[in-house]
C-alpha atoms as a PDB file:
ATOM      1  CA  MET A   1       8.417 -24.897  12.631  1.00  0.00           C
ATOM      2  CA  LYS A   2      11.904 -23.654  11.811  1.00  0.00           C
ATOM      3  CA  LYS A   3      10.664 -22.182   8.537  1.00  0.00           C
ATOM      4  CA  VAL A   4       7.907 -20.213  10.288  1.00  0.00           C
ATOM      5  CA  LEU A   5      10.381 -18.959  12.885  1.00  0.00           C
ATOM      6  CA  ALA A   6      12.835 -17.874  10.191  1.00  0.00           C
ATOM      7  CA  VAL A   7      10.134 -15.959   8.297  1.00  0.00           C
ATOM      8  CA  LEU A   8       8.933 -14.310  11.504  1.00  0.00           C
ATOM      9  CA  LEU A   9      12.469 -13.259  12.444  1.00  0.00           C
ATOM     10  CA  PHE A  10      13.044 -11.908   8.938  1.00  0.00           C
ATOM     11  CA  PHE A  11       9.952  -9.691   9.099  1.00  0.00           C
ATOM     12  CA  MET A  12      10.783  -8.506  12.612  1.00  0.00           C
ATOM     13  CA  ALA A  13      14.312  -7.569  11.521  1.00  0.00           C
ATOM     14  CA  THR A  14      12.976  -5.780   8.451  1.00  0.00           C
ATOM     15  CA  ILE A  15      10.590  -3.708  10.545  1.00  0.00           C
ATOM     16  CA  ALA A  16      13.211  -2.969  13.206  1.00  0.00           C
ATOM     17  CA  LEU A  17      15.837  -1.832  10.694  1.00  0.00           C
ATOM     18  CA  ALA A  18      13.525   0.290   8.526  1.00  0.00           C
ATOM     19  CA  PRO A  19      14.638   3.938   8.361  1.00  0.00           C
ATOM     20  CA  LYS A  20      12.347   6.590   9.781  1.00  0.00           C
ATOM     21  CA  ALA A  21      10.943   9.035   7.209  1.00  0.00           C
ATOM     22  CA  ASN A  22       8.690  11.586   8.875  1.00  0.00           C
ATOM     23  CA  ALA A  23       9.614  14.648   6.786  1.00  0.00           C
ATOM     24  CA  GLN A  24       7.503  13.736   3.783  1.00  0.00           C
ATOM     25  CA  CYS A  25       4.257  13.750   5.706  1.00  0.00           C
ATOM     26  CA  ALA A  26       4.874  17.214   7.114  1.00  0.00           C
ATOM     27  CA  MET A  27       5.928  18.537   3.707  1.00  0.00           C
ATOM     28  CA  CYS A  28       2.827  17.183   1.975  1.00  0.00           C
ATOM     29  CA  THR A  29       0.578  18.535   4.730  1.00  0.00           C
ATOM     30  CA  ALA A  30       2.114  21.999   4.571  1.00  0.00           C
ATOM     31  CA  ASN A  31       1.913  22.039   0.772  1.00  0.00           C
ATOM     32  CA  ALA A  32      -1.735  21.003   0.788  1.00  0.00           C
ATOM     33  CA  GLU A  33      -2.703  23.559   3.450  1.00  0.00           C
ATOM     34  CA  MET A  34      -0.956  26.423   1.682  1.00  0.00           C
ATOM     35  CA  GLY A  35      -2.460  25.383  -1.650  1.00  0.00           C
ATOM     36  CA  VAL A  36      -5.986  25.505  -0.265  1.00  0.00           C
ATOM     37  CA  LYS A  37      -5.438  28.866   1.424  1.00  0.00           C
ATOM     38  CA  ASN A  38      -3.935  30.469  -1.681  1.00  0.00           C
ATOM     39  CA  GLY A  39      -6.479  29.004  -4.104  1.00  0.00           C
ATOM     40  CA  ASN A  40      -3.884  27.041  -6.084  1.00  0.00           C
ATOM     41  CA  THR A  41      -4.854  24.008  -8.117  1.00  0.00           C
ATOM     42  CA  GLN A  42      -1.716  22.146  -7.052  1.00  0.00           C
ATOM     43  CA  THR A  43      -3.688  20.593  -4.210  1.00  0.00           C
ATOM     44  CA  LYS A  44      -5.884  18.753  -6.714  1.00  0.00           C
ATOM     45  CA  GLY A  45      -2.764  17.346  -8.351  1.00  0.00           C
ATOM     46  CA  LEU A  46      -1.377  16.284  -4.987  1.00  0.00           C
ATOM     47  CA  ASN A  47      -4.623  14.524  -4.088  1.00  0.00           C
ATOM     48  CA  SER A  48      -4.739  12.811  -7.480  1.00  0.00           C
ATOM     49  CA  GLY A  49      -1.147  11.603  -7.015  1.00  0.00           C
ATOM     50  CA  VAL A  50      -1.922  10.196  -3.581  1.00  0.00           C
ATOM     51  CA  LEU A  51      -4.958   8.347  -4.911  1.00  0.00           C
ATOM     52  CA  TYR A  52      -2.928   6.994  -7.833  1.00  0.00           C
ATOM     53  CA  LEU A  53      -0.226   5.676  -5.504  1.00  0.00           C
ATOM     54  CA  LEU A  54      -2.867   4.246  -3.176  1.00  0.00           C
ATOM     55  CA  ALA A  55      -4.706   2.431  -5.969  1.00  0.00           C
ATOM     56  CA  ALA A  56      -1.694   0.465  -7.241  1.00  0.00           C
ATOM     57  CA  PRO A  57      -1.263  -1.860  -4.209  1.00  0.00           C
ATOM     58  CA  PHE A  58      -4.999  -2.471  -3.954  1.00  0.00           C
ATOM     59  CA  LEU A  59      -5.233  -3.387  -7.631  1.00  0.00           C
ATOM     60  CA  LEU A  60      -2.254  -5.708  -7.308  1.00  0.00           C
ATOM     61  CA  ALA A  61      -3.750  -7.407  -4.240  1.00  0.00           C
ATOM     62  CA  GLY A  62      -7.085  -7.738  -6.018  1.00  0.00           C
ATOM     63  CA  VAL A  63      -5.519  -9.370  -9.074  1.00  0.00           C
ATOM     64  CA  VAL A  64      -3.464 -11.780  -6.967  1.00  0.00           C
ATOM     65  CA  GLY A  65      -6.488 -12.601  -4.811  1.00  0.00           C
ATOM     66  CA  THR A  66      -8.663 -13.255  -7.852  1.00  0.00           C
ATOM     67  CA  ILE A  67      -6.055 -15.518  -9.433  1.00  0.00           C
ATOM     68  CA  TRP A  68      -5.601 -17.382  -6.153  1.00  0.00           C
ATOM     69  CA  TYR A  69      -9.349 -17.766  -5.658  1.00  0.00           C
ATOM     70  CA  THR A  70      -9.993 -19.078  -9.149  1.00  0.00           C
ATOM     71  CA  SER A  71      -6.999 -21.407  -9.065  1.00  0.00           C
ATOM     72  CA  TYR A  72      -7.447 -23.031  -5.666  1.00  0.00           C
ATOM     73  CA  ARG A  73     -11.183 -23.124  -5.020  1.00  0.00           C
ATOM     74  CA  LYS A  74     -12.812 -26.508  -4.851  1.00  0.00           C
ATOM     75  CA  LYS A  75     -14.196 -27.801  -8.095  1.00  0.00           C
ATOM     76  CA  PRO A  76     -17.816 -28.966  -7.871  1.00  0.00           C
ATOM     77  CA  ASP A  77     -18.287 -32.711  -7.974  1.00  0.00           C
ATOM     78  CA  VAL A  78     -19.939 -33.751 -11.186  1.00  0.00           C
ATOM     79  CA  ALA A  79     -22.034 -36.866 -10.698  1.00  0.00           C
END
């Protein structure tokens, strides 16, 4: 029980002490809007970068989940 409480307190402290970073979202939004209005191709690069950064955590979670599933699933009983 103490271990679960310690982990919970750690995550709560991490979330509470995380710095706020709101400027990046506004900058990306303004850049994307101006790129579309002006006909620039920079917006395509920005979208590709966002998708690249988004794919990395999902791939990592998929690999870890697959390894966990194959390692810890029940083996069929051979009679």
